[in-house]
Amino acid sequence: MKRRVALVTLALPLLLLAAPGPAAPDETEARRLSLDEAKKALDEGRIVLLDVRAVEAYRNGHIPGALSIPLDDVAAKAGELKKTGKRIVAYCA
């Protein structure tokens, strides 16, 4: 089954959304995601939020609930992330 990936912006420089299963029509295009939308989705357990900055930057401050997976390590962790069955949102700022 092919995975859909779209670049998305939040009030941060970069977000990446990946739907773990077949994407709905509105999930195949890049779109803006507000901070409120991201927070609601995280609070409801619908997404996994990744901080893709260096570990030191994460330790200095991050969005509550975000996991630290530096960008260079994302590809190696992709299989584990897909197993969550949730959309993946990654940010760096």
PDB file of N, CA and C in Angstrom:
ATOM      1  N   MET A   1       0.850  -1.176   0.000  1.00  0.00           N
ATOM      2  CA  MET A   1       0.000   0.000   0.000  1.00  0.00           C
ATOM      3  C   MET A   1       0.892   1.233   0.000  1.00  0.00           C
ATOM      4  N   LYS A   2       0.660   2.145  -0.892  1.00  0.00           N
ATOM      5  CA  LYS A   2       1.471   3.334  -1.027  1.00  0.00           C
ATOM      6  C   LYS A   2       1.106   4.375   0.028  1.00  0.00           C
ATOM      7  N   ARG A   3       2.105   5.007   0.607  1.00  0.00           N
ATOM      8  CA  ARG A   3       1.898   6.044   1.618  1.00  0.00           C
ATOM      9  C   ARG A   3       1.871   7.404   0.942  1.00  0.00           C
ATOM     10  N   ARG A   4       1.037   8.293   1.450  1.00  0.00           N
ATOM     11  CA  ARG A   4       0.963   9.653   0.930  1.00  0.00           C
ATOM     12  C   ARG A   4       1.698  10.562   1.894  1.00  0.00           C
ATOM     13  N   VAL A   5       2.478  11.486   1.365  1.00  0.00           N
ATOM     14  CA  VAL A   5       3.221  12.435   2.184  1.00  0.00           C
ATOM     15  C   VAL A   5       2.976  13.826   1.629  1.00  0.00           C
ATOM     16  N   ALA A   6       2.749  14.786   2.495  1.00  0.00           N
ATOM     17  CA  ALA A   6       2.529  16.165   2.071  1.00  0.00           C
ATOM     18  C   ALA A   6       3.273  17.102   3.001  1.00  0.00           C
ATOM     19  N   LEU A   7       3.850  18.147   2.448  1.00  0.00           N
ATOM     20  CA  LEU A   7       4.479  19.174   3.267  1.00  0.00           C
ATOM     21  C   LEU A   7       3.409  20.129   3.762  1.00  0.00           C
ATOM     22  N   VAL A   8       3.520  20.531   5.002  1.00  0.00           N
ATOM     23  CA  VAL A   8       2.530  21.391   5.625  1.00  0.00           C
ATOM     24  C   VAL A   8       3.249  22.425   6.473  1.00  0.00           C
ATOM     25  N   THR A   9       2.693  23.619   6.606  1.00  0.00           N
ATOM     26  CA  THR A   9       3.274  24.612   7.494  1.00  0.00           C
ATOM     27  C   THR A   9       2.365  24.854   8.679  1.00  0.00           C
ATOM     28  N   LEU A  10       2.963  25.189   9.787  1.00  0.00           N
ATOM     29  CA  LEU A  10       2.220  25.482  11.039  1.00  0.00           C
ATOM     30  C   LEU A  10       2.764  26.834  11.470  1.00  0.00           C
ATOM     31  N   ALA A  11       2.825  27.411  12.402  1.00  0.00           N
ATOM     32  CA  ALA A  11       3.495  28.670  12.654  1.00  0.00           C
ATOM     33  C   ALA A  11       4.986  28.397  12.842  1.00  0.00           C
ATOM     34  N   LEU A  12       5.500  27.409  12.176  1.00  0.00           N
ATOM     35  CA  LEU A  12       6.894  26.982  12.268  1.00  0.00           C
ATOM     36  C   LEU A  12       7.401  26.759  10.849  1.00  0.00           C
ATOM     37  N   PRO A  13       8.708  26.728  10.645  1.00  0.00           N
ATOM     38  CA  PRO A  13       9.229  26.619   9.285  1.00  0.00           C
ATOM     39  C   PRO A  13       8.812  25.390   8.488  1.00  0.00           C
ATOM     40  N   LEU A  14       8.697  24.216   9.096  1.00  0.00           N
ATOM     41  CA  LEU A  14       8.400  23.037   8.291  1.00  0.00           C
ATOM     42  C   LEU A  14       7.616  22.023   9.090  1.00  0.00           C
ATOM     43  N   LEU A  15       6.617  21.466   8.467  1.00  0.00           N
ATOM     44  CA  LEU A  15       5.905  20.318   9.035  1.00  0.00           C
ATOM     45  C   LEU A  15       5.760  19.292   7.931  1.00  0.00           C
ATOM     46  N   LEU A  16       5.726  18.069   8.291  1.00  0.00           N
ATOM     47  CA  LEU A  16       5.541  16.987   7.336  1.00  0.00           C
ATOM     48  C   LEU A  16       4.388  16.146   7.832  1.00  0.00           C
ATOM     49  N   LEU A  17       3.396  15.931   6.996  1.00  0.00           N
ATOM     50  CA  LEU A  17       2.268  15.092   7.366  1.00  0.00           C
ATOM     51  C   LEU A  17       2.310  13.835   6.524  1.00  0.00           C
ATOM     52  N   ALA A  18       2.159  12.706   7.140  1.00  0.00           N
ATOM     53  CA  ALA A  18       2.094  11.456   6.388  1.00  0.00           C
ATOM     54  C   ALA A  18       0.917  10.664   6.904  1.00  0.00           C
ATOM     55  N   ALA A  19       0.041  10.290   6.034  1.00  0.00           N
ATOM     56  CA  ALA A  19      -1.095   9.464   6.421  1.00  0.00           C
ATOM     57  C   ALA A  19      -0.647   8.010   6.360  1.00  0.00           C
ATOM     58  N   PRO A  20      -0.855   7.215   7.416  1.00  0.00           N
ATOM     59  CA  PRO A  20      -0.378   5.845   7.420  1.00  0.00           C
ATOM     60  C   PRO A  20      -1.130   4.908   6.488  1.00  0.00           C
ATOM     61  N   GLY A  21      -2.318   5.250   6.089  1.00  0.00           N
ATOM     62  CA  GLY A  21      -3.099   4.396   5.192  1.00  0.00           C
ATOM     63  C   GLY A  21      -3.470   5.168   3.956  1.00  0.00           C
ATOM     64  N   PRO A  22      -4.482   4.724   3.252  1.00  0.00           N
ATOM     65  CA  PRO A  22      -4.914   5.460   2.074  1.00  0.00           C
ATOM     66  C   PRO A  22      -5.342   6.864   2.478  1.00  0.00           C
ATOM     67  N   ALA A  23      -4.841   7.838   1.772  1.00  0.00           N
ATOM     68  CA  ALA A  23      -5.138   9.227   2.117  1.00  0.00           C
ATOM     69  C   ALA A  23      -6.503   9.637   1.607  1.00  0.00           C
ATOM     70  N   ALA A  24      -7.177  10.430   2.417  1.00  0.00           N
ATOM     71  CA  ALA A  24      -8.425  11.034   1.968  1.00  0.00           C
ATOM     72  C   ALA A  24      -8.073  12.091   0.935  1.00  0.00           C
ATOM     73  N   PRO A  25      -9.010  12.480   0.073  1.00  0.00           N
ATOM     74  CA  PRO A  25      -8.689  13.443  -0.973  1.00  0.00           C
ATOM     75  C   PRO A  25      -8.050  14.725  -0.447  1.00  0.00           C
ATOM     76  N   ASP A  26      -8.459  15.225   0.715  1.00  0.00           N
ATOM     77  CA  ASP A  26      -7.894  16.463   1.229  1.00  0.00           C
ATOM     78  C   ASP A  26      -6.536  16.256   1.893  1.00  0.00           C
ATOM     79  N   GLU A  27      -6.048  15.030   2.011  1.00  0.00           N
ATOM     80  CA  GLU A  27      -4.759  14.746   2.635  1.00  0.00           C
ATOM     81  C   GLU A  27      -3.638  14.567   1.621  1.00  0.00           C
ATOM     82  N   THR A  28      -3.934  14.683   0.342  1.00  0.00           N
ATOM     83  CA  THR A  28      -2.910  14.462  -0.665  1.00  0.00           C
ATOM     84  C   THR A  28      -2.228  15.745  -1.092  1.00  0.00           C
ATOM     85  N   GLU A  29      -2.751  16.880  -0.709  1.00  0.00           N
ATOM     86  CA  GLU A  29      -2.199  18.172  -1.082  1.00  0.00           C
ATOM     87  C   GLU A  29      -1.572  18.845   0.133  1.00  0.00           C
ATOM     88  N   ALA A  30      -0.559  19.662  -0.126  1.00  0.00           N
ATOM     89  CA  ALA A  30       0.013  20.465   0.957  1.00  0.00           C
ATOM     90  C   ALA A  30      -1.038  21.473   1.409  1.00  0.00           C
ATOM     91  N   ARG A  31      -1.087  21.726   2.693  1.00  0.00           N
ATOM     92  CA  ARG A  31      -2.032  22.712   3.209  1.00  0.00           C
ATOM     93  C   ARG A  31      -1.474  23.299   4.492  1.00  0.00           C
ATOM     94  N   ARG A  32      -2.014  24.406   4.892  1.00  0.00           N
ATOM     95  CA  ARG A  32      -1.604  25.030   6.147  1.00  0.00           C
ATOM     96  C   ARG A  32      -2.323  24.355   7.301  1.00  0.00           C
ATOM     97  N   LEU A  33      -1.609  24.207   8.385  1.00  0.00           N
ATOM     98  CA  LEU A  33      -2.164  23.626   9.590  1.00  0.00           C
ATOM     99  C   LEU A  33      -1.896  24.622  10.708  1.00  0.00           C
ATOM    100  N   SER A  34      -2.949  25.109  11.333  1.00  0.00           N
ATOM    101  CA  SER A  34      -2.765  26.091  12.401  1.00  0.00           C
ATOM    102  C   SER A  34      -2.236  25.397  13.650  1.00  0.00           C
ATOM    103  N   LEU A  35      -1.665  26.170  14.522  1.00  0.00           N
ATOM    104  CA  LEU A  35      -1.176  25.637  15.781  1.00  0.00           C
ATOM    105  C   LEU A  35      -2.327  25.031  16.576  1.00  0.00           C
ATOM    106  N   ASP A  36      -3.490  25.674  16.529  1.00  0.00           N
ATOM    107  CA  ASP A  36      -4.665  25.148  17.234  1.00  0.00           C
ATOM    108  C   ASP A  36      -5.086  23.783  16.679  1.00  0.00           C
ATOM    109  N   GLU A  37      -5.063  23.640  15.343  1.00  0.00           N
ATOM    110  CA  GLU A  37      -5.423  22.358  14.719  1.00  0.00           C
ATOM    111  C   GLU A  37      -4.436  21.268  15.136  1.00  0.00           C
ATOM    112  N   ALA A  38      -3.153  21.605  15.123  1.00  0.00           N
ATOM    113  CA  ALA A  38      -2.137  20.626  15.502  1.00  0.00           C
ATOM    114  C   ALA A  38      -2.286  20.236  16.972  1.00  0.00           C
ATOM    115  N   LYS A  39      -2.516  21.213  17.837  1.00  0.00           N
ATOM    116  CA  LYS A  39      -2.668  20.932  19.262  1.00  0.00           C
ATOM    117  C   LYS A  39      -3.888  20.044  19.507  1.00  0.00           C
ATOM    118  N   LYS A  40      -5.000  20.357  18.847  1.00  0.00           N
ATOM    119  CA  LYS A  40      -6.217  19.557  19.011  1.00  0.00           C
ATOM    120  C   LYS A  40      -5.973  18.118  18.555  1.00  0.00           C
ATOM    121  N   ALA A  41      -5.335  17.952  17.399  1.00  0.00           N
ATOM    122  CA  ALA A  41      -5.060  16.609  16.880  1.00  0.00           C
ATOM    123  C   ALA A  41      -4.130  15.843  17.820  1.00  0.00           C
ATOM    124  N   LEU A  42      -3.144  16.533  18.386  1.00  0.00           N
ATOM    125  CA  LEU A  42      -2.232  15.894  19.330  1.00  0.00           C
ATOM    126  C   LEU A  42      -2.978  15.510  20.605  1.00  0.00           C
ATOM    127  N   ASP A  43      -3.768  16.431  21.132  1.00  0.00           N
ATOM    128  CA  ASP A  43      -4.543  16.163  22.350  1.00  0.00           C
ATOM    129  C   ASP A  43      -5.512  14.998  22.169  1.00  0.00           C
ATOM    130  N   GLU A  44      -6.063  14.865  20.966  1.00  0.00           N
ATOM    131  CA  GLU A  44      -7.013  13.788  20.671  1.00  0.00           C
ATOM    132  C   GLU A  44      -6.324  12.481  20.280  1.00  0.00           C
ATOM    133  N   GLY A  45      -4.996  12.504  20.221  1.00  0.00           N
ATOM    134  CA  GLY A  45      -4.247  11.297  19.889  1.00  0.00           C
ATOM    135  C   GLY A  45      -4.307  10.906  18.433  1.00  0.00           C
ATOM    136  N   ARG A  46      -4.623  11.862  17.548  1.00  0.00           N
ATOM    137  CA  ARG A  46      -4.742  11.553  16.121  1.00  0.00           C
ATOM    138  C   ARG A  46      -3.439  11.684  15.365  1.00  0.00           C
ATOM    139  N   ILE A  47      -2.417  12.297  15.972  1.00  0.00           N
ATOM    140  CA  ILE A  47      -1.131  12.489  15.300  1.00  0.00           C
ATOM    141  C   ILE A  47       0.010  12.112  16.232  1.00  0.00           C
ATOM    142  N   VAL A  48       1.162  11.890  15.622  1.00  0.00           N
ATOM    143  CA  VAL A  48       2.423  11.800  16.339  1.00  0.00           C
ATOM    144  C   VAL A  48       3.188  13.050  15.930  1.00  0.00           C
ATOM    145  N   LEU A  49       3.581  13.856  16.896  1.00  0.00           N
ATOM    146  CA  LEU A  49       4.288  15.103  16.635  1.00  0.00           C
ATOM    147  C   LEU A  49       5.778  14.885  16.836  1.00  0.00           C
ATOM    148  N   LEU A  50       6.559  15.144  15.787  1.00  0.00           N
ATOM    149  CA  LEU A  50       8.002  14.945  15.838  1.00  0.00           C
ATOM    150  C   LEU A  50       8.735  16.271  15.810  1.00  0.00           C
ATOM    151  N   ASP A  51       9.679  16.430  16.708  1.00  0.00           N
ATOM    152  CA  ASP A  51      10.611  17.547  16.680  1.00  0.00           C
ATOM    153  C   ASP A  51      11.856  17.000  15.995  1.00  0.00           C
ATOM    154  N   VAL A  52      12.146  17.476  14.793  1.00  0.00           N
ATOM    155  CA  VAL A  52      13.247  16.920  14.002  1.00  0.00           C
ATOM    156  C   VAL A  52      14.539  17.718  14.131  1.00  0.00           C
ATOM    157  N   ARG A  53      14.593  18.599  15.117  1.00  0.00           N
ATOM    158  CA  ARG A  53      15.826  19.353  15.366  1.00  0.00           C
ATOM    159  C   ARG A  53      16.833  18.475  16.103  1.00  0.00           C
ATOM    160  N   ALA A  54      18.031  19.001  16.290  1.00  0.00           N
ATOM    161  CA  ALA A  54      19.064  18.303  17.052  1.00  0.00           C
ATOM    162  C   ALA A  54      18.558  18.065  18.474  1.00  0.00           C
ATOM    163  N   VAL A  55      19.036  17.013  19.090  1.00  0.00           N
ATOM    164  CA  VAL A  55      18.607  16.648  20.446  1.00  0.00           C
ATOM    165  C   VAL A  55      18.823  17.803  21.420  1.00  0.00           C
ATOM    166  N   GLU A  56      19.927  18.527  21.273  1.00  0.00           N
ATOM    167  CA  GLU A  56      20.212  19.654  22.174  1.00  0.00           C
ATOM    168  C   GLU A  56      19.138  20.728  22.072  1.00  0.00           C
ATOM    169  N   ALA A  57      18.688  21.005  20.861  1.00  0.00           N
ATOM    170  CA  ALA A  57      17.636  22.004  20.660  1.00  0.00           C
ATOM    171  C   ALA A  57      16.338  21.539  21.311  1.00  0.00           C
ATOM    172  N   TYR A  58      16.027  20.257  21.164  1.00  0.00           N
ATOM    173  CA  TYR A  58      14.827  19.691  21.794  1.00  0.00           C
ATOM    174  C   TYR A  58      14.902  19.849  23.309  1.00  0.00           C
ATOM    175  N   ARG A  59      16.065  19.553  23.873  1.00  0.00           N
ATOM    176  CA  ARG A  59      16.235  19.660  25.326  1.00  0.00           C
ATOM    177  C   ARG A  59      16.071  21.094  25.816  1.00  0.00           C
ATOM    178  N   ASN A  60      16.384  22.051  24.963  1.00  0.00           N
ATOM    179  CA  ASN A  60      16.273  23.470  25.339  1.00  0.00           C
ATOM    180  C   ASN A  60      14.841  23.985  25.253  1.00  0.00           C
ATOM    181  N   GLY A  61      13.942  23.200  24.706  1.00  0.00           N
ATOM    182  CA  GLY A  61      12.544  23.589  24.613  1.00  0.00           C
ATOM    183  C   GLY A  61      11.888  22.972  23.400  1.00  0.00           C
ATOM    184  N   HIS A  62      10.663  22.490  23.594  1.00  0.00           N
ATOM    185  CA  HIS A  62       9.922  21.849  22.508  1.00  0.00           C
ATOM    186  C   HIS A  62       8.430  21.925  22.807  1.00  0.00           C
ATOM    187  N   ILE A  63       7.631  21.609  21.815  1.00  0.00           N
ATOM    188  CA  ILE A  63       6.185  21.575  21.991  1.00  0.00           C
ATOM    189  C   ILE A  63       5.857  20.388  22.890  1.00  0.00           C
ATOM    190  N   PRO A  64       5.101  20.604  23.972  1.00  0.00           N
ATOM    191  CA  PRO A  64       4.743  19.488  24.849  1.00  0.00           C
ATOM    192  C   PRO A  64       4.072  18.358  24.071  1.00  0.00           C
ATOM    193  N   GLY A  65       4.523  17.150  24.318  1.00  0.00           N
ATOM    194  CA  GLY A  65       3.979  15.976  23.639  1.00  0.00           C
ATOM    195  C   GLY A  65       4.765  15.561  22.411  1.00  0.00           C
ATOM    196  N   ALA A  66       5.707  16.409  21.973  1.00  0.00           N
ATOM    197  CA  ALA A  66       6.502  16.090  20.783  1.00  0.00           C
ATOM    198  C   ALA A  66       7.588  15.075  21.121  1.00  0.00           C
ATOM    199  N   LEU A  67       7.857  14.193  20.171  1.00  0.00           N
ATOM    200  CA  LEU A  67       8.954  13.246  20.287  1.00  0.00           C
ATOM    201  C   LEU A  67      10.181  13.832  19.615  1.00  0.00           C
ATOM    202  N   SER A  68      11.342  13.528  20.120  1.00  0.00           N
ATOM    203  CA  SER A  68      12.580  13.990  19.504  1.00  0.00           C
ATOM    204  C   SER A  68      13.140  12.906  18.596  1.00  0.00           C
ATOM    205  N   ILE A  69      13.111  13.167  17.299  1.00  0.00           N
ATOM    206  CA  ILE A  69      13.762  12.303  16.314  1.00  0.00           C
ATOM    207  C   ILE A  69      14.456  13.244  15.333  1.00  0.00           C
ATOM    208  N   PRO A  70      15.778  13.441  15.493  1.00  0.00           N
ATOM    209  CA  PRO A  70      16.489  14.339  14.585  1.00  0.00           C
ATOM    210  C   PRO A  70      16.270  13.955  13.125  1.00  0.00           C
ATOM    211  N   LEU A  71      16.241  14.951  12.261  1.00  0.00           N
ATOM    212  CA  LEU A  71      15.929  14.754  10.844  1.00  0.00           C
ATOM    213  C   LEU A  71      16.750  13.630  10.216  1.00  0.00           C
ATOM    214  N   ASP A  72      18.022  13.545  10.557  1.00  0.00           N
ATOM    215  CA  ASP A  72      18.872  12.499   9.981  1.00  0.00           C
ATOM    216  C   ASP A  72      18.444  11.091  10.396  1.00  0.00           C
ATOM    217  N   ASP A  73      17.640  10.972  11.450  1.00  0.00           N
ATOM    218  CA  ASP A  73      17.212   9.667  11.955  1.00  0.00           C
ATOM    219  C   ASP A  73      15.786   9.290  11.545  1.00  0.00           C
ATOM    220  N   VAL A  74      15.069  10.212  10.924  1.00  0.00           N
ATOM    221  CA  VAL A  74      13.655   9.967  10.600  1.00  0.00           C
ATOM    222  C   VAL A  74      13.490   8.769   9.673  1.00  0.00           C
ATOM    223  N   ALA A  75      14.304   8.667   8.646  1.00  0.00           N
ATOM    224  CA  ALA A  75      14.164   7.551   7.696  1.00  0.00           C
ATOM    225  C   ALA A  75      14.336   6.210   8.404  1.00  0.00           C
ATOM    226  N   ALA A  76      15.282   6.135   9.328  1.00  0.00           N
ATOM    227  CA  ALA A  76      15.524   4.887  10.048  1.00  0.00           C
ATOM    228  C   ALA A  76      14.365   4.540  10.979  1.00  0.00           C
ATOM    229  N   LYS A  77      13.626   5.534  11.443  1.00  0.00           N
ATOM    230  CA  LYS A  77      12.510   5.321  12.367  1.00  0.00           C
ATOM    231  C   LYS A  77      11.158   5.250  11.651  1.00  0.00           C
ATOM    232  N   ALA A  78      11.152   5.417  10.321  1.00  0.00           N
ATOM    233  CA  ALA A  78       9.895   5.494   9.571  1.00  0.00           C
ATOM    234  C   ALA A  78       9.014   4.266   9.789  1.00  0.00           C
ATOM    235  N   GLY A  79       9.593   3.096   9.810  1.00  0.00           N
ATOM    236  CA  GLY A  79       8.806   1.882  10.013  1.00  0.00           C
ATOM    237  C   GLY A  79       8.079   1.882  11.341  1.00  0.00           C
ATOM    238  N   GLU A  80       8.772   2.296  12.403  1.00  0.00           N
ATOM    239  CA  GLU A  80       8.145   2.367  13.724  1.00  0.00           C
ATOM    240  C   GLU A  80       7.017   3.394  13.736  1.00  0.00           C
ATOM    241  N   LEU A  81       7.253   4.537  13.085  1.00  0.00           N
ATOM    242  CA  LEU A  81       6.246   5.590  13.057  1.00  0.00           C
ATOM    243  C   LEU A  81       5.003   5.148  12.295  1.00  0.00           C
ATOM    244  N   LYS A  82       5.176   4.444  11.191  1.00  0.00           N
ATOM    245  CA  LYS A  82       4.039   3.963  10.406  1.00  0.00           C
ATOM    246  C   LYS A  82       3.185   2.985  11.201  1.00  0.00           C
ATOM    247  N   LYS A  83       3.823   2.218  12.071  1.00  0.00           N
ATOM    248  CA  LYS A  83       3.089   1.229  12.874  1.00  0.00           C
ATOM    249  C   LYS A  83       2.117   1.882  13.848  1.00  0.00           C
ATOM    250  N   THR A  84       2.287   3.167  14.148  1.00  0.00           N
ATOM    251  CA  THR A  84       1.371   3.840  15.068  1.00  0.00           C
ATOM    252  C   THR A  84      -0.017   3.974  14.461  1.00  0.00           C
ATOM    253  N   GLY A  85      -0.105   3.954  13.125  1.00  0.00           N
ATOM    254  CA  GLY A  85      -1.389   4.124  12.458  1.00  0.00           C
ATOM    255  C   GLY A  85      -1.892   5.556  12.500  1.00  0.00           C
ATOM    256  N   LYS A  86      -1.045   6.481  12.944  1.00  0.00           N
ATOM    257  CA  LYS A  86      -1.439   7.886  13.042  1.00  0.00           C
ATOM    258  C   LYS A  86      -0.721   8.710  11.992  1.00  0.00           C
ATOM    259  N   ARG A  87      -1.281   9.877  11.705  1.00  0.00           N
ATOM    260  CA  ARG A  87      -0.604  10.809  10.820  1.00  0.00           C
ATOM    261  C   ARG A  87       0.631  11.320  11.554  1.00  0.00           C
ATOM    262  N   ILE A  88       1.670  11.585  10.802  1.00  0.00           N
ATOM    263  CA  ILE A  88       2.926  12.051  11.369  1.00  0.00           C
ATOM    264  C   ILE A  88       3.084  13.521  11.032  1.00  0.00           C
ATOM    265  N   VAL A  89       3.337  14.329  12.055  1.00  0.00           N
ATOM    266  CA  VAL A  89       3.576  15.756  11.869  1.00  0.00           C
ATOM    267  C   VAL A  89       4.952  16.054  12.424  1.00  0.00           C
ATOM    268  N   ALA A  90       5.828  16.559  11.585  1.00  0.00           N
ATOM    269  CA  ALA A  90       7.187  16.879  12.009  1.00  0.00           C
ATOM    270  C   ALA A  90       7.398  18.385  11.909  1.00  0.00           C
ATOM    271  N   TYR A  91       8.136  18.933  12.876  1.00  0.00           N
ATOM    272  CA  TYR A  91       8.413  20.366  12.843  1.00  0.00           C
ATOM    273  C   TYR A  91       9.865  20.635  13.209  1.00  0.00           C
ATOM    274  N   CYS A  92      10.335  21.767  12.746  1.00  0.00           N
ATOM    275  CA  CYS A  92      11.630  22.285  13.167  1.00  0.00           C
ATOM    276  C   CYS A  92      11.487  23.800  13.278  1.00  0.00           C
ATOM    277  N   ALA A  93      12.047  24.373  14.284  1.00  0.00           N
ATOM    278  CA  ALA A  93      11.977  25.815  14.468  1.00  0.00           C
ATOM    279  C   ALA A  93      12.987  26.239  15.492  1.00  0.00           C
TER     280      ALA A  93
END
